[in-house]
N, C-alpha and C. Protein backbone atom coordinates (compact mmCIF):
# COMPACT_ATOMS: atom_id res chain seq x y z
N MET A 1 0.78 -1.25 -0.13
CA MET A 1 0.17 0.01 -0.18
C MET A 1 0.87 1.08 0.18
N ARG A 2 0.85 2.43 -0.85
CA ARG A 2 1.23 3.29 -0.61
C ARG A 2 1.36 4.31 1.03
N LEU A 3 2.22 4.93 0.88
CA LEU A 3 2.41 5.66 1.91
C LEU A 3 1.29 6.73 2.43
N ASP A 4 1.21 7.34 1.63
CA ASP A 4 0.03 8.26 1.27
C ASP A 4 -1.23 7.94 2.09
N LYS A 5 -1.42 6.70 0.73
CA LYS A 5 -2.66 5.86 1.18
C LYS A 5 -2.87 5.47 2.92
N PHE A 6 -1.50 4.91 3.41
CA PHE A 6 -1.91 4.31 4.27
C PHE A 6 -1.98 5.69 5.51
N LEU A 7 -1.32 6.74 5.59
CA LEU A 7 -1.80 7.65 6.44
C LEU A 7 -2.91 8.00 6.86
N LYS A 8 -3.53 8.20 5.83
CA LYS A 8 -5.20 8.92 5.47
C LYS A 8 -6.22 7.84 5.64
N VAL A 9 -5.65 6.19 5.80
CA VAL A 9 -6.85 5.45 5.53
C VAL A 9 -6.98 5.09 7.49
N SER A 10 -5.41 5.10 7.86
CA SER A 10 -5.23 5.08 9.48
C SER A 10 -5.49 6.58 10.24
N ARG A 11 -6.03 7.51 9.48
CA ARG A 11 -6.45 8.82 9.81
C ARG A 11 -4.94 9.26 10.82
N LEU A 12 -3.71 8.78 10.47
CA LEU A 12 -2.62 9.40 11.11
C LEU A 12 -2.54 11.25 10.85
N ILE A 13 -2.37 11.20 9.97
CA ILE A 13 -3.12 12.53 8.35
C ILE A 13 -4.59 12.45 8.02
N LYS A 14 -4.88 13.69 8.21
CA LYS A 14 -6.22 13.62 7.79
C LYS A 14 -6.56 13.68 6.49
N ARG A 15 -5.88 14.03 5.45
CA ARG A 15 -5.94 14.16 3.87
C ARG A 15 -4.83 13.43 3.15
N ARG A 16 -5.14 13.14 2.21
CA ARG A 16 -4.26 12.20 1.50
C ARG A 16 -3.02 13.15 1.20
N THR A 17 -3.67 14.78 0.76
CA THR A 17 -2.74 15.57 -0.30
C THR A 17 -1.51 16.09 0.92
N LEU A 18 -1.85 16.13 2.07
CA LEU A 18 -1.44 16.63 3.20
C LEU A 18 -0.39 15.70 3.35
N ALA A 19 -0.67 14.24 3.36
CA ALA A 19 0.59 13.57 3.78
C ALA A 19 1.57 13.42 2.58
N LYS A 20 1.25 13.77 1.63
CA LYS A 20 2.14 14.00 0.20
C LYS A 20 3.05 14.91 0.69
N GLU A 21 2.29 16.35 0.71
CA GLU A 21 3.11 17.35 0.90
C GLU A 21 4.39 16.66 2.46
N VAL A 22 3.79 16.22 3.57
CA VAL A 22 4.60 15.96 4.34
C VAL A 22 6.13 15.19 3.92
N ALA A 23 5.43 14.08 3.40
CA ALA A 23 6.59 12.95 2.72
C ALA A 23 7.48 13.75 1.52
N GLU A 24 6.93 14.83 0.77
CA GLU A 24 8.00 15.74 0.32
C GLU A 24 8.88 16.66 0.73
N GLN A 25 8.36 17.02 2.13
CA GLN A 25 9.72 17.71 2.83
C GLN A 25 10.80 16.89 3.84
N GLY A 26 10.62 15.87 3.46
CA GLY A 26 11.53 14.58 4.54
C GLY A 26 10.92 14.75 5.53
N ARG A 27 9.88 14.68 6.11
CA ARG A 27 9.42 14.30 7.40
C ARG A 27 9.10 13.31 7.78
N ILE A 28 9.03 12.18 6.92
CA ILE A 28 8.56 10.64 6.90
C ILE A 28 9.56 9.63 6.71
N SER A 29 10.02 8.81 7.76
CA SER A 29 10.71 8.22 7.03
C SER A 29 10.12 6.47 7.11
N ILE A 30 10.37 5.66 6.96
CA ILE A 30 10.04 3.99 6.63
C ILE A 30 11.65 3.15 6.99
N ASN A 31 11.48 2.66 8.10
CA ASN A 31 12.46 1.92 8.74
C ASN A 31 13.79 2.39 8.63
N GLY A 32 13.62 3.93 9.20
CA GLY A 32 15.01 4.91 9.11
C GLY A 32 15.08 5.24 7.46
N GLN A 33 14.57 4.98 6.28
CA GLN A 33 14.99 5.47 5.54
C GLN A 33 13.62 6.97 5.03
N THR A 34 14.43 7.43 4.43
CA THR A 34 13.18 9.07 3.89
C THR A 34 12.57 8.36 2.89
N ALA A 35 11.30 8.48 3.17
CA ALA A 35 10.00 7.97 2.35
C ALA A 35 9.63 9.10 1.24
N LYS A 36 9.12 8.31 0.02
CA LYS A 36 8.27 9.34 -0.73
C LYS A 36 6.70 8.77 -0.16
N ALA A 37 5.82 9.98 -0.67
CA ALA A 37 4.00 9.32 -0.62
C ALA A 37 3.88 7.96 -1.38
N SER A 38 4.85 7.95 -2.02
CA SER A 38 4.61 6.56 -3.34
C SER A 38 5.18 5.24 -2.78
N SER A 39 5.93 5.51 -1.78
CA SER A 39 6.62 4.50 -1.10
C SER A 39 5.93 3.54 -0.75
N ASN A 40 6.21 2.04 -0.98
CA ASN A 40 5.24 0.75 -0.10
C ASN A 40 5.67 0.52 1.29
N VAL A 41 4.52 0.47 2.15
CA VAL A 41 4.34 0.09 3.16
C VAL A 41 3.81 -1.18 3.14
N LYS A 42 4.54 -1.82 4.53
CA LYS A 42 3.98 -3.26 4.25
C LYS A 42 3.87 -3.56 6.09
N VAL A 43 3.30 -4.44 6.13
CA VAL A 43 3.37 -4.93 7.89
C VAL A 43 4.17 -5.18 8.35
N GLY A 44 4.60 -4.53 9.37
CA GLY A 44 5.82 -4.84 10.69
C GLY A 44 7.01 -3.49 10.07
N ASP A 45 7.01 -3.02 9.42
CA ASP A 45 7.71 -1.55 8.42
C ASP A 45 7.21 -0.49 10.11
N GLU A 46 8.19 0.62 10.49
CA GLU A 46 8.08 1.39 11.28
C GLU A 46 8.53 2.53 10.89
N LEU A 47 6.73 3.54 10.93
CA LEU A 47 7.12 4.92 10.27
C LEU A 47 7.75 5.48 11.21
N THR A 48 8.63 6.67 11.23
CA THR A 48 8.82 8.12 11.98
C THR A 48 7.78 9.05 10.93
N ILE A 49 6.93 9.67 11.98
CA ILE A 49 6.46 11.10 11.38
C ILE A 49 7.03 12.05 12.27
N GLN A 50 7.44 13.19 11.54
CA GLN A 50 7.35 14.44 12.29
C GLN A 50 6.86 15.47 11.95
N PHE A 51 6.03 15.89 13.18
CA PHE A 51 4.51 17.07 13.15
C PHE A 51 5.07 18.45 14.01
N GLY A 52 5.94 19.49 12.95
CA GLY A 52 6.50 20.40 13.60
C GLY A 52 7.01 19.93 15.05
N GLN A 53 7.07 20.59 16.29
CA GLN A 53 7.95 20.23 17.09
C GLN A 53 7.44 18.68 17.93
N LYS A 54 6.73 18.08 17.24
CA LYS A 54 6.26 16.67 17.83
C LYS A 54 7.07 15.33 17.18
N GLN A 55 7.40 14.28 17.21
CA GLN A 55 7.90 13.23 16.37
C GLN A 55 7.05 11.91 16.88
N ILE A 56 6.78 11.15 16.15
CA ILE A 56 5.81 9.63 16.69
C ILE A 56 6.31 8.84 15.57
N THR A 57 6.75 7.60 16.63
CA THR A 57 7.05 6.39 15.64
C THR A 57 5.55 5.24 15.83
N VAL A 58 5.32 5.21 14.38
CA VAL A 58 4.42 3.76 14.96
C VAL A 58 5.01 2.92 14.15
N ARG A 59 4.35 1.49 14.29
CA ARG A 59 4.92 0.15 13.85
C ARG A 59 3.16 -0.30 13.20
N VAL A 60 3.37 -0.49 11.59
CA VAL A 60 2.06 -0.90 10.88
C VAL A 60 1.84 -2.37 11.19
N GLU A 61 0.87 -2.68 11.52
CA GLU A 61 0.29 -3.55 12.07
C GLU A 61 -0.95 -4.63 11.17
N GLN A 62 -1.44 -3.64 10.07
CA GLN A 62 -2.54 -3.84 9.23
C GLN A 62 -2.77 -3.51 8.28
N LEU A 63 -2.69 -3.78 6.67
CA LEU A 63 -2.84 -2.56 5.72
C LEU A 63 -4.95 -3.09 5.42
N LEU A 64 -5.60 -1.79 5.63
CA LEU A 64 -6.54 -2.12 5.02
C LEU A 64 -7.06 -1.05 4.18
N GLU A 65 -8.28 -1.44 3.11
CA GLU A 65 -8.24 -0.10 1.63
C GLU A 65 -9.14 0.71 2.50
N SER A 66 -9.80 0.58 3.19
CA SER A 66 -10.86 1.62 4.07
C SER A 66 -10.75 1.12 5.43
N THR A 67 -11.22 2.22 6.63
CA THR A 67 -11.99 1.78 7.54
C THR A 67 -12.89 2.53 8.27
N LYS A 68 -13.44 1.96 9.38
CA LYS A 68 -14.28 2.85 10.62
C LYS A 68 -13.39 4.06 10.98
N LYS A 69 -13.38 5.16 11.54
CA LYS A 69 -12.86 5.83 12.56
C LYS A 69 -12.54 5.06 14.11
N GLU A 70 -13.34 4.12 14.06
CA GLU A 70 -12.86 3.44 15.72
C GLU A 70 -12.70 2.36 14.96
N ASP A 71 -11.84 1.85 13.99
CA ASP A 71 -11.17 0.77 13.71
C ASP A 71 -9.63 1.07 12.89
N ALA A 72 -9.80 2.71 13.04
CA ALA A 72 -8.43 3.02 12.19
C ALA A 72 -6.92 3.02 12.82
N SER A 73 -7.20 3.19 14.20
CA SER A 73 -6.06 2.84 15.01
C SER A 73 -5.70 1.49 15.40
N SER A 74 -6.20 0.50 14.76
CA SER A 74 -5.93 -0.96 15.09
C SER A 74 -5.25 -1.06 13.78
N MET A 75 -4.85 0.02 13.09
CA MET A 75 -3.55 -0.15 11.73
C MET A 75 -2.54 -0.16 12.25
N TYR A 76 -2.11 0.66 13.44
CA TYR A 76 -0.75 0.62 13.99
C TYR A 76 -0.32 0.52 15.33
N THR A 77 0.32 0.25 15.82
CA THR A 77 0.63 0.61 17.36
C THR A 77 1.71 1.39 17.25
N LEU A 78 1.73 2.69 18.17
CA LEU A 78 2.51 3.97 18.50
C LEU A 78 3.64 3.22 19.53
N VAL A 79 4.82 3.32 18.70
CA VAL A 79 6.01 2.97 19.47
C VAL A 79 6.66 3.73 20.42
N LYS A 80 6.63 5.15 19.62
CA LYS A 80 6.78 6.08 20.74
C LYS A 80 6.68 7.66 20.17
N GLU A 81 6.16 8.55 20.65
CA GLU A 81 6.59 10.03 20.99
C GLU A 81 7.07 10.90 21.17
N GLU A 82 7.82 11.57 21.22
CA GLU A 82 8.80 12.59 21.51
C GLU A 82 8.64 13.81 21.26
N ARG A 83 8.85 14.97 22.22
CA ARG A 83 8.85 16.68 21.78
C ARG A 83 10.27 16.64 21.39
N LEU A 84 10.40 17.23 20.04
CA LEU A 84 11.69 17.63 19.70
C LEU A 84 11.97 19.05 20.14
N GLU A 85 12.95 18.90 20.76
CA GLU A 85 13.47 20.23 21.38
C GLU A 85 13.91 21.49 19.86
N GLU A 86 13.65 22.77 20.18
CA GLU A 86 13.69 23.98 19.14
C GLU A 86 15.21 24.24 19.44
N PRO A 87 15.50 24.68 18.15
CA PRO A 87 17.12 24.89 18.33
C PRO A 87 17.40 26.04 18.91
N MET A 88 18.44 26.28 19.63
CA MET A 88 18.47 27.35 20.50
C MET A 88 19.26 28.53 19.47
N THR A 89 18.95 29.36 19.66
CA THR A 89 19.17 31.20 18.73
C THR A 89 19.64 31.79 19.73
N GLU A 90 21.00 33.05 18.97
CA GLU A 90 21.33 33.94 19.71
C GLU A 90 21.10 34.84 19.14
């Protein structure tokens, strides 16, 4: 399944176009490799996504073509969530 579609269906990112933009900015990686929106996602992959000052890492548990809002979170497991420090400016 394409990365942008997985992010939308799992509701990690609300819209597919937004998922594509985030990927183009280099803020998503799959198993440590910077990913494109068209990158293939498989069960067991670890995705790291940077949202502003927050970075989350999730493990892909299942791939579904579509899902209900209540079931979306079953597509992944949150591995870690961390706040990124703002760079010091002088």
